[in-house]
Amino acid sequence: AGRTLARLGLRGPEHRERLTQHERMARRCVRPEARAVAWLDGVLELGDVSVEDYRAAGLPDVVIEALTADKPGAAAMSLRAEVVEARESLAKY
């Protein structure tokens, strides 16, 4: 669901490189929930998809929390940390 929503939210040639970056980050994440967060990081801000779309697609609440909460709980923070680690590993290689 994360990949599909990201592709909807990042349509068009102007987002091609960003979508590729999200895919590379998602591939480096271990947990499926972290992969969803990697795919969707920053997509809401573009306005083509909404939190309601995330819920309709069946994304777990912890994923939505990781993507939207200003002060996420421990489980959501753990997902964010995994995505940050994936992003940083891309810069190394």
PDB file of N, CA and C in Angstrom:
ATOM      1  N   ALA A   1       0.823  -1.191   0.000  1.00  0.00           N
ATOM      2  CA  ALA A   1       0.000   0.000   0.000  1.00  0.00           C
ATOM      3  C   ALA A   1       0.870   1.259   0.000  1.00  0.00           C
ATOM      4  N   GLY A   2       1.975   1.228   0.765  1.00  0.00           N
ATOM      5  CA  GLY A   2       2.855   2.398   0.832  1.00  0.00           C
ATOM      6  C   GLY A   2       3.415   2.778  -0.523  1.00  0.00           C
ATOM      7  N   ARG A   3       3.867   1.787  -1.264  1.00  0.00           N
ATOM      8  CA  ARG A   3       4.450   2.059  -2.590  1.00  0.00           C
ATOM      9  C   ARG A   3       3.397   2.640  -3.531  1.00  0.00           C
ATOM     10  N   THR A   4       2.213   2.052  -3.521  1.00  0.00           N
ATOM     11  CA  THR A   4       1.147   2.534  -4.399  1.00  0.00           C
ATOM     12  C   THR A   4       0.761   3.968  -4.061  1.00  0.00           C
ATOM     13  N   LEU A   5       0.606   4.259  -2.770  1.00  0.00           N
ATOM     14  CA  LEU A   5       0.270   5.620  -2.356  1.00  0.00           C
ATOM     15  C   LEU A   5       1.375   6.606  -2.705  1.00  0.00           C
ATOM     16  N   ALA A   6       2.625   6.183  -2.551  1.00  0.00           N
ATOM     17  CA  ALA A   6       3.745   7.063  -2.912  1.00  0.00           C
ATOM     18  C   ALA A   6       3.729   7.353  -4.408  1.00  0.00           C
ATOM     19  N   ARG A   7       3.455   6.341  -5.207  1.00  0.00           N
ATOM     20  CA  ARG A   7       3.402   6.558  -6.656  1.00  0.00           C
ATOM     21  C   ARG A   7       2.261   7.491  -7.038  1.00  0.00           C
ATOM     22  N   LEU A   8       1.147   7.411  -6.318  1.00  0.00           N
ATOM     23  CA  LEU A   8       0.045   8.345  -6.568  1.00  0.00           C
ATOM     24  C   LEU A   8       0.422   9.757  -6.155  1.00  0.00           C
ATOM     25  N   GLY A   9       1.080   9.878  -5.018  1.00  0.00           N
ATOM     26  CA  GLY A   9       1.445  11.186  -4.501  1.00  0.00           C
ATOM     27  C   GLY A   9       2.642  11.818  -5.188  1.00  0.00           C
ATOM     28  N   LEU A  10       3.441  10.998  -5.843  1.00  0.00           N
ATOM     29  CA  LEU A  10       4.663  11.509  -6.496  1.00  0.00           C
ATOM     30  C   LEU A  10       4.611  11.274  -8.003  1.00  0.00           C
ATOM     31  N   ARG A  11       3.450  11.495  -8.580  1.00  0.00           N
ATOM     32  CA  ARG A  11       3.289  11.334 -10.029  1.00  0.00           C
ATOM     33  C   ARG A  11       3.998  12.451 -10.771  1.00  0.00           C
ATOM     34  N   GLY A  12       4.388  12.139 -11.959  1.00  0.00           N
ATOM     35  CA  GLY A  12       4.960  13.154 -12.839  1.00  0.00           C
ATOM     36  C   GLY A  12       6.471  13.121 -12.872  1.00  0.00           C
ATOM     37  N   PRO A  13       7.015  13.606 -13.973  1.00  0.00           N
ATOM     38  CA  PRO A  13       8.472  13.577 -14.144  1.00  0.00           C
ATOM     39  C   PRO A  13       9.221  14.429 -13.135  1.00  0.00           C
ATOM     40  N   GLU A  14       8.579  15.448 -12.592  1.00  0.00           N
ATOM     41  CA  GLU A  14       9.259  16.309 -11.616  1.00  0.00           C
ATOM     42  C   GLU A  14       9.537  15.586 -10.302  1.00  0.00           C
ATOM     43  N   HIS A  15       8.864  14.451 -10.075  1.00  0.00           N
ATOM     44  CA  HIS A  15       9.055  13.692  -8.833  1.00  0.00           C
ATOM     45  C   HIS A  15       9.787  12.372  -9.048  1.00  0.00           C
ATOM     46  N   ARG A  16      10.225  12.112 -10.253  1.00  0.00           N
ATOM     47  CA  ARG A  16      10.836  10.817 -10.570  1.00  0.00           C
ATOM     48  C   ARG A  16      12.044  10.509  -9.683  1.00  0.00           C
ATOM     49  N   GLU A  17      12.928  11.475  -9.530  1.00  0.00           N
ATOM     50  CA  GLU A  17      14.123  11.242  -8.709  1.00  0.00           C
ATOM     51  C   GLU A  17      13.756  11.031  -7.238  1.00  0.00           C
ATOM     52  N   ARG A  18      12.808  11.794  -6.754  1.00  0.00           N
ATOM     53  CA  ARG A  18      12.370  11.640  -5.358  1.00  0.00           C
ATOM     54  C   ARG A  18      11.748  10.262  -5.138  1.00  0.00           C
ATOM     55  N   LEU A  19      10.937   9.801  -6.092  1.00  0.00           N
ATOM     56  CA  LEU A  19      10.323   8.477  -5.983  1.00  0.00           C
ATOM     57  C   LEU A  19      11.391   7.385  -5.971  1.00  0.00           C
ATOM     58  N   THR A  20      12.406   7.550  -6.791  1.00  0.00           N
ATOM     59  CA  THR A  20      13.516   6.592  -6.810  1.00  0.00           C
ATOM     60  C   THR A  20      14.232   6.582  -5.464  1.00  0.00           C
ATOM     61  N   GLN A  21      14.423   7.736  -4.877  1.00  0.00           N
ATOM     62  CA  GLN A  21      15.062   7.837  -3.560  1.00  0.00           C
ATOM     63  C   GLN A  21      14.225   7.118  -2.499  1.00  0.00           C
ATOM     64  N   HIS A  22      12.920   7.303  -2.549  1.00  0.00           N
ATOM     65  CA  HIS A  22      12.036   6.638  -1.592  1.00  0.00           C
ATOM     66  C   HIS A  22      12.125   5.121  -1.759  1.00  0.00           C
ATOM     67  N   GLU A  23      12.169   4.670  -2.992  1.00  0.00           N
ATOM     68  CA  GLU A  23      12.284   3.230  -3.240  1.00  0.00           C
ATOM     69  C   GLU A  23      13.591   2.678  -2.676  1.00  0.00           C
ATOM     70  N   ARG A  24      14.671   3.391  -2.884  1.00  0.00           N
ATOM     71  CA  ARG A  24      15.969   2.938  -2.374  1.00  0.00           C
ATOM     72  C   ARG A  24      15.971   2.882  -0.851  1.00  0.00           C
ATOM     73  N   MET A  25      15.346   3.875  -0.205  1.00  0.00           N
ATOM     74  CA  MET A  25      15.253   3.852   1.262  1.00  0.00           C
ATOM     75  C   MET A  25      14.398   2.677   1.718  1.00  0.00           C
ATOM     76  N   ALA A  26      13.271   2.469   1.070  1.00  0.00           N
ATOM     77  CA  ALA A  26      12.365   1.390   1.472  1.00  0.00           C
ATOM     78  C   ALA A  26      13.035   0.027   1.356  1.00  0.00           C
ATOM     79  N   ARG A  27      13.850  -0.146   0.344  1.00  0.00           N
ATOM     80  CA  ARG A  27      14.541  -1.433   0.166  1.00  0.00           C
ATOM     81  C   ARG A  27      15.539  -1.708   1.286  1.00  0.00           C
ATOM     82  N   ARG A  28      16.007  -0.686   1.931  1.00  0.00           N
ATOM     83  CA  ARG A  28      16.983  -0.858   3.012  1.00  0.00           C
ATOM     84  C   ARG A  28      16.316  -1.077   4.376  1.00  0.00           C
ATOM     85  N   CYS A  29      15.021  -0.874   4.453  1.00  0.00           N
ATOM     86  CA  CYS A  29      14.296  -1.078   5.714  1.00  0.00           C
ATOM     87  C   CYS A  29      13.934  -2.549   5.870  1.00  0.00           C
ATOM     88  N   VAL A  30      13.964  -3.022   7.111  1.00  0.00           N
ATOM     89  CA  VAL A  30      13.689  -4.424   7.407  1.00  0.00           C
ATOM     90  C   VAL A  30      12.195  -4.662   7.609  1.00  0.00           C
ATOM     91  N   ARG A  31      11.593  -3.879   8.476  1.00  0.00           N
ATOM     92  CA  ARG A  31      10.185  -4.101   8.821  1.00  0.00           C
ATOM     93  C   ARG A  31       9.261  -3.532   7.744  1.00  0.00           C
ATOM     94  N   PRO A  32       8.182  -4.247   7.426  1.00  0.00           N
ATOM     95  CA  PRO A  32       7.234  -3.744   6.426  1.00  0.00           C
ATOM     96  C   PRO A  32       6.665  -2.372   6.782  1.00  0.00           C
ATOM     97  N   GLU A  33       6.433  -2.139   8.059  1.00  0.00           N
ATOM     98  CA  GLU A  33       5.906  -0.841   8.482  1.00  0.00           C
ATOM     99  C   GLU A  33       6.914   0.272   8.214  1.00  0.00           C
ATOM    100  N   ALA A  34       8.186  -0.005   8.439  1.00  0.00           N
ATOM    101  CA  ALA A  34       9.233   0.991   8.164  1.00  0.00           C
ATOM    102  C   ALA A  34       9.345   1.234   6.661  1.00  0.00           C
ATOM    103  N   ARG A  35       9.166   0.183   5.863  1.00  0.00           N
ATOM    104  CA  ARG A  35       9.185   0.368   4.405  1.00  0.00           C
ATOM    105  C   ARG A  35       8.061   1.309   3.979  1.00  0.00           C
ATOM    106  N   ALA A  36       6.878   1.157   4.581  1.00  0.00           N
ATOM    107  CA  ALA A  36       5.767   2.056   4.263  1.00  0.00           C
ATOM    108  C   ALA A  36       6.109   3.496   4.631  1.00  0.00           C
ATOM    109  N   VAL A  37       6.721   3.678   5.784  1.00  0.00           N
ATOM    110  CA  VAL A  37       7.129   5.030   6.203  1.00  0.00           C
ATOM    111  C   VAL A  37       8.158   5.592   5.222  1.00  0.00           C
ATOM    112  N   ALA A  38       9.094   4.776   4.790  1.00  0.00           N
ATOM    113  CA  ALA A  38      10.107   5.234   3.831  1.00  0.00           C
ATOM    114  C   ALA A  38       9.463   5.651   2.510  1.00  0.00           C
ATOM    115  N   TRP A  39       8.540   4.849   2.022  1.00  0.00           N
ATOM    116  CA  TRP A  39       7.855   5.188   0.777  1.00  0.00           C
ATOM    117  C   TRP A  39       7.102   6.507   0.895  1.00  0.00           C
ATOM    118  N   LEU A  40       6.470   6.736   2.036  1.00  0.00           N
ATOM    119  CA  LEU A  40       5.526   7.847   2.167  1.00  0.00           C
ATOM    120  C   LEU A  40       6.083   9.082   2.854  1.00  0.00           C
ATOM    121  N   ASP A  41       7.338   9.057   3.247  1.00  0.00           N
ATOM    122  CA  ASP A  41       7.945  10.193   3.932  1.00  0.00           C
ATOM    123  C   ASP A  41       7.839  11.456   3.071  1.00  0.00           C
ATOM    124  N   GLY A  42       7.109  12.453   3.559  1.00  0.00           N
ATOM    125  CA  GLY A  42       6.981  13.725   2.852  1.00  0.00           C
ATOM    126  C   GLY A  42       5.920  13.773   1.775  1.00  0.00           C
ATOM    127  N   VAL A  43       5.238  12.667   1.515  1.00  0.00           N
ATOM    128  CA  VAL A  43       4.240  12.633   0.441  1.00  0.00           C
ATOM    129  C   VAL A  43       2.993  13.434   0.806  1.00  0.00           C
ATOM    130  N   LEU A  44       2.581  13.392   2.062  1.00  0.00           N
ATOM    131  CA  LEU A  44       1.386  14.136   2.480  1.00  0.00           C
ATOM    132  C   LEU A  44       1.504  15.631   2.182  1.00  0.00           C
ATOM    133  N   GLU A  45       2.694  16.166   2.333  1.00  0.00           N
ATOM    134  CA  GLU A  45       2.902  17.599   2.150  1.00  0.00           C
ATOM    135  C   GLU A  45       2.613  18.057   0.728  1.00  0.00           C
ATOM    136  N   LEU A  46       2.662  17.137  -0.227  1.00  0.00           N
ATOM    137  CA  LEU A  46       2.412  17.501  -1.619  1.00  0.00           C
ATOM    138  C   LEU A  46       0.920  17.618  -1.926  1.00  0.00           C
ATOM    139  N   GLY A  47       0.068  17.026  -1.087  1.00  0.00           N
ATOM    140  CA  GLY A  47      -1.370  17.220  -1.194  1.00  0.00           C
ATOM    141  C   GLY A  47      -2.127  16.314  -2.141  1.00  0.00           C
ATOM    142  N   ASP A  48      -1.466  15.411  -2.845  1.00  0.00           N
ATOM    143  CA  ASP A  48      -2.187  14.540  -3.778  1.00  0.00           C
ATOM    144  C   ASP A  48      -2.822  13.334  -3.095  1.00  0.00           C
ATOM    145  N   VAL A  49      -2.339  12.986  -1.909  1.00  0.00           N
ATOM    146  CA  VAL A  49      -2.941  11.925  -1.103  1.00  0.00           C
ATOM    147  C   VAL A  49      -3.144  12.476   0.310  1.00  0.00           C
ATOM    148  N   SER A  50      -4.036  11.835   1.048  1.00  0.00           N
ATOM    149  CA  SER A  50      -4.387  12.336   2.376  1.00  0.00           C
ATOM    150  C   SER A  50      -4.287  11.221   3.409  1.00  0.00           C
ATOM    151  N   VAL A  51      -4.390  11.603   4.667  1.00  0.00           N
ATOM    152  CA  VAL A  51      -4.400  10.622   5.744  1.00  0.00           C
ATOM    153  C   VAL A  51      -5.584   9.672   5.557  1.00  0.00           C
ATOM    154  N   GLU A  52      -6.692  10.185   5.066  1.00  0.00           N
ATOM    155  CA  GLU A  52      -7.859   9.339   4.811  1.00  0.00           C
ATOM    156  C   GLU A  52      -7.531   8.280   3.757  1.00  0.00           C
ATOM    157  N   ASP A  53      -6.731   8.644   2.758  1.00  0.00           N
ATOM    158  CA  ASP A  53      -6.278   7.675   1.754  1.00  0.00           C
ATOM    159  C   ASP A  53      -5.425   6.600   2.412  1.00  0.00           C
ATOM    160  N   TYR A  54      -4.571   7.005   3.337  1.00  0.00           N
ATOM    161  CA  TYR A  54      -3.721   6.043   4.054  1.00  0.00           C
ATOM    162  C   TYR A  54      -4.585   5.051   4.831  1.00  0.00           C
ATOM    163  N   ARG A  55      -5.590   5.582   5.509  1.00  0.00           N
ATOM    164  CA  ARG A  55      -6.479   4.699   6.282  1.00  0.00           C
ATOM    165  C   ARG A  55      -7.266   3.760   5.356  1.00  0.00           C
ATOM    166  N   ALA A  56      -7.780   4.305   4.259  1.00  0.00           N
ATOM    167  CA  ALA A  56      -8.548   3.501   3.310  1.00  0.00           C
ATOM    168  C   ALA A  56      -7.701   2.391   2.699  1.00  0.00           C
ATOM    169  N   ALA A  57      -6.408   2.644   2.558  1.00  0.00           N
ATOM    170  CA  ALA A  57      -5.493   1.641   2.006  1.00  0.00           C
ATOM    171  C   ALA A  57      -5.113   0.586   3.032  1.00  0.00           C
ATOM    172  N   GLY A  58      -5.502   0.800   4.296  1.00  0.00           N
ATOM    173  CA  GLY A  58      -5.234  -0.179   5.332  1.00  0.00           C
ATOM    174  C   GLY A  58      -3.889  -0.051   6.016  1.00  0.00           C
ATOM    175  N   LEU A  59      -3.260   1.122   5.912  1.00  0.00           N
ATOM    176  CA  LEU A  59      -1.985   1.301   6.607  1.00  0.00           C
ATOM    177  C   LEU A  59      -2.215   1.221   8.115  1.00  0.00           C
ATOM    178  N   PRO A  60      -1.309   0.571   8.833  1.00  0.00           N
ATOM    179  CA  PRO A  60      -1.445   0.484  10.293  1.00  0.00           C
ATOM    180  C   PRO A  60      -1.374   1.869  10.944  1.00  0.00           C
ATOM    181  N   ASP A  61      -2.064   1.990  12.068  1.00  0.00           N
ATOM    182  CA  ASP A  61      -2.065   3.267  12.796  1.00  0.00           C
ATOM    183  C   ASP A  61      -0.659   3.725  13.149  1.00  0.00           C
ATOM    184  N   VAL A  62       0.228   2.791  13.476  1.00  0.00           N
ATOM    185  CA  VAL A  62       1.592   3.168  13.856  1.00  0.00           C
ATOM    186  C   VAL A  62       2.327   3.808  12.679  1.00  0.00           C
ATOM    187  N   VAL A  63       2.048   3.385  11.473  1.00  0.00           N
ATOM    188  CA  VAL A  63       2.666   3.992  10.284  1.00  0.00           C
ATOM    189  C   VAL A  63       2.139   5.410  10.106  1.00  0.00           C
ATOM    190  N   ILE A  64       0.831   5.565  10.222  1.00  0.00           N
ATOM    191  CA  ILE A  64       0.235   6.898  10.096  1.00  0.00           C
ATOM    192  C   ILE A  64       0.762   7.818  11.192  1.00  0.00           C
ATOM    193  N   GLU A  65       0.896   7.282  12.389  1.00  0.00           N
ATOM    194  CA  GLU A  65       1.458   8.071  13.487  1.00  0.00           C
ATOM    195  C   GLU A  65       2.883   8.495  13.180  1.00  0.00           C
ATOM    196  N   ALA A  66       3.691   7.586  12.659  1.00  0.00           N
ATOM    197  CA  ALA A  66       5.091   7.903  12.333  1.00  0.00           C
ATOM    198  C   ALA A  66       5.169   8.997  11.273  1.00  0.00           C
ATOM    199  N   LEU A  67       4.191   9.045  10.387  1.00  0.00           N
ATOM    200  CA  LEU A  67       4.203  10.018   9.298  1.00  0.00           C
ATOM    201  C   LEU A  67       3.588  11.360   9.670  1.00  0.00           C
ATOM    202  N   THR A  68       2.746  11.380  10.694  1.00  0.00           N
ATOM    203  CA  THR A  68       1.977  12.605  10.950  1.00  0.00           C
ATOM    204  C   THR A  68       2.152  13.217  12.329  1.00  0.00           C
ATOM    205  N   ALA A  69       2.513  12.436  13.335  1.00  0.00           N
ATOM    206  CA  ALA A  69       2.524  12.949  14.710  1.00  0.00           C
ATOM    207  C   ALA A  69       3.738  13.830  14.989  1.00  0.00           C
ATOM    208  N   ASP A  70       3.486  14.923  15.700  1.00  0.00           N
ATOM    209  CA  ASP A  70       4.592  15.775  16.143  1.00  0.00           C
ATOM    210  C   ASP A  70       5.383  15.103  17.257  1.00  0.00           C
ATOM    211  N   LYS A  71       4.682  14.359  18.098  1.00  0.00           N
ATOM    212  CA  LYS A  71       5.323  13.634  19.204  1.00  0.00           C
ATOM    213  C   LYS A  71       4.861  12.174  19.162  1.00  0.00           C
ATOM    214  N   PRO A  72       5.433  11.398  18.242  1.00  0.00           N
ATOM    215  CA  PRO A  72       5.001  10.003  18.110  1.00  0.00           C
ATOM    216  C   PRO A  72       5.458   9.153  19.294  1.00  0.00           C
ATOM    217  N   GLY A  73       4.737   8.058  19.498  1.00  0.00           N
ATOM    218  CA  GLY A  73       5.093   7.110  20.539  1.00  0.00           C
ATOM    219  C   GLY A  73       6.340   6.329  20.167  1.00  0.00           C
ATOM    220  N   ALA A  74       6.733   5.447  21.067  1.00  0.00           N
ATOM    221  CA  ALA A  74       7.978   4.699  20.892  1.00  0.00           C
ATOM    222  C   ALA A  74       7.966   3.833  19.628  1.00  0.00           C
ATOM    223  N   ALA A  75       6.868   3.171  19.348  1.00  0.00           N
ATOM    224  CA  ALA A  75       6.809   2.295  18.177  1.00  0.00           C
ATOM    225  C   ALA A  75       6.949   3.098  16.883  1.00  0.00           C
ATOM    226  N   ALA A  76       6.272   4.235  16.810  1.00  0.00           N
ATOM    227  CA  ALA A  76       6.369   5.094  15.626  1.00  0.00           C
ATOM    228  C   ALA A  76       7.769   5.693  15.499  1.00  0.00           C
ATOM    229  N   MET A  77       8.357   6.080  16.619  1.00  0.00           N
ATOM    230  CA  MET A  77       9.720   6.620  16.593  1.00  0.00           C
ATOM    231  C   MET A  77      10.713   5.572  16.103  1.00  0.00           C
ATOM    232  N   SER A  78      10.478   4.332  16.470  1.00  0.00           N
ATOM    233  CA  SER A  78      11.337   3.241  16.018  1.00  0.00           C
ATOM    234  C   SER A  78      11.270   3.099  14.497  1.00  0.00           C
ATOM    235  N   LEU A  79      10.087   3.266  13.934  1.00  0.00           N
ATOM    236  CA  LEU A  79       9.958   3.216  12.472  1.00  0.00           C
ATOM    237  C   LEU A  79      10.698   4.383  11.828  1.00  0.00           C
ATOM    238  N   ARG A  80      10.526   5.570  12.400  1.00  0.00           N
ATOM    239  CA  ARG A  80      11.240   6.743  11.880  1.00  0.00           C
ATOM    240  C   ARG A  80      12.754   6.523  11.932  1.00  0.00           C
ATOM    241  N   ALA A  81      13.228   5.959  13.037  1.00  0.00           N
ATOM    242  CA  ALA A  81      14.665   5.725  13.201  1.00  0.00           C
ATOM    243  C   ALA A  81      15.179   4.761  12.141  1.00  0.00           C
ATOM    244  N   GLU A  82      14.403   3.735  11.841  1.00  0.00           N
ATOM    245  CA  GLU A  82      14.832   2.790  10.811  1.00  0.00           C
ATOM    246  C   GLU A  82      14.931   3.467   9.445  1.00  0.00           C
ATOM    247  N   VAL A  83      14.003   4.363   9.153  1.00  0.00           N
ATOM    248  CA  VAL A  83      14.028   5.084   7.877  1.00  0.00           C
ATOM    249  C   VAL A  83      15.216   6.048   7.832  1.00  0.00           C
ATOM    250  N   VAL A  84      15.474   6.729   8.924  1.00  0.00           N
ATOM    251  CA  VAL A  84      16.629   7.634   8.987  1.00  0.00           C
ATOM    252  C   VAL A  84      17.912   6.851   8.752  1.00  0.00           C
ATOM    253  N   GLU A  85      18.026   5.695   9.380  1.00  0.00           N
ATOM    254  CA  GLU A  85      19.213   4.857   9.192  1.00  0.00           C
ATOM    255  C   GLU A  85      19.334   4.425   7.730  1.00  0.00           C
ATOM    256  N   ALA A  86      18.224   4.085   7.109  1.00  0.00           N
ATOM    257  CA  ALA A  86      18.247   3.709   5.692  1.00  0.00           C
ATOM    258  C   ALA A  86      18.690   4.884   4.830  1.00  0.00           C
ATOM    259  N   ARG A  87      18.168   6.065   5.116  1.00  0.00           N
ATOM    260  CA  ARG A  87      18.541   7.262   4.353  1.00  0.00           C
ATOM    261  C   ARG A  87      20.032   7.561   4.498  1.00  0.00           C
ATOM    262  N   GLU A  88      20.523   7.460   5.732  1.00  0.00           N
ATOM    263  CA  GLU A  88      21.946   7.729   5.965  1.00  0.00           C
ATOM    264  C   GLU A  88      22.835   6.703   5.290  1.00  0.00           C
ATOM    265  N   SER A  89      22.396   5.468   5.227  1.00  0.00           N
ATOM    266  CA  SER A  89      23.198   4.435   4.574  1.00  0.00           C
ATOM    267  C   SER A  89      23.305   4.682   3.070  1.00  0.00           C
ATOM    268  N   LEU A  90      22.298   5.310   2.496  1.00  0.00           N
ATOM    269  CA  LEU A  90      22.363   5.639   1.063  1.00  0.00           C
ATOM    270  C   LEU A  90      23.479   6.639   0.785  1.00  0.00           C
ATOM    271  N   ALA A  91      23.669   7.558   1.717  1.00  0.00           N
ATOM    272  CA  ALA A  91      24.701   8.580   1.537  1.00  0.00           C
ATOM    273  C   ALA A  91      26.102   7.978   1.602  1.00  0.00           C
ATOM    274  N   LYS A  92      26.226   6.837   2.293  1.00  0.00           N
ATOM    275  CA  LYS A  92      27.535   6.209   2.447  1.00  0.00           C
ATOM    276  C   LYS A  92      27.946   5.439   1.209  1.00  0.00           C
ATOM    277  N   TYR A  93      26.984   4.942   0.454  1.00  0.00           N
ATOM    278  CA  TYR A  93      27.313   4.050  -0.664  1.00  0.00           C
ATOM    279  C   TYR A  93      26.930   4.614  -1.980  1.00  0.00           C
TER     280      TYR A  93
END
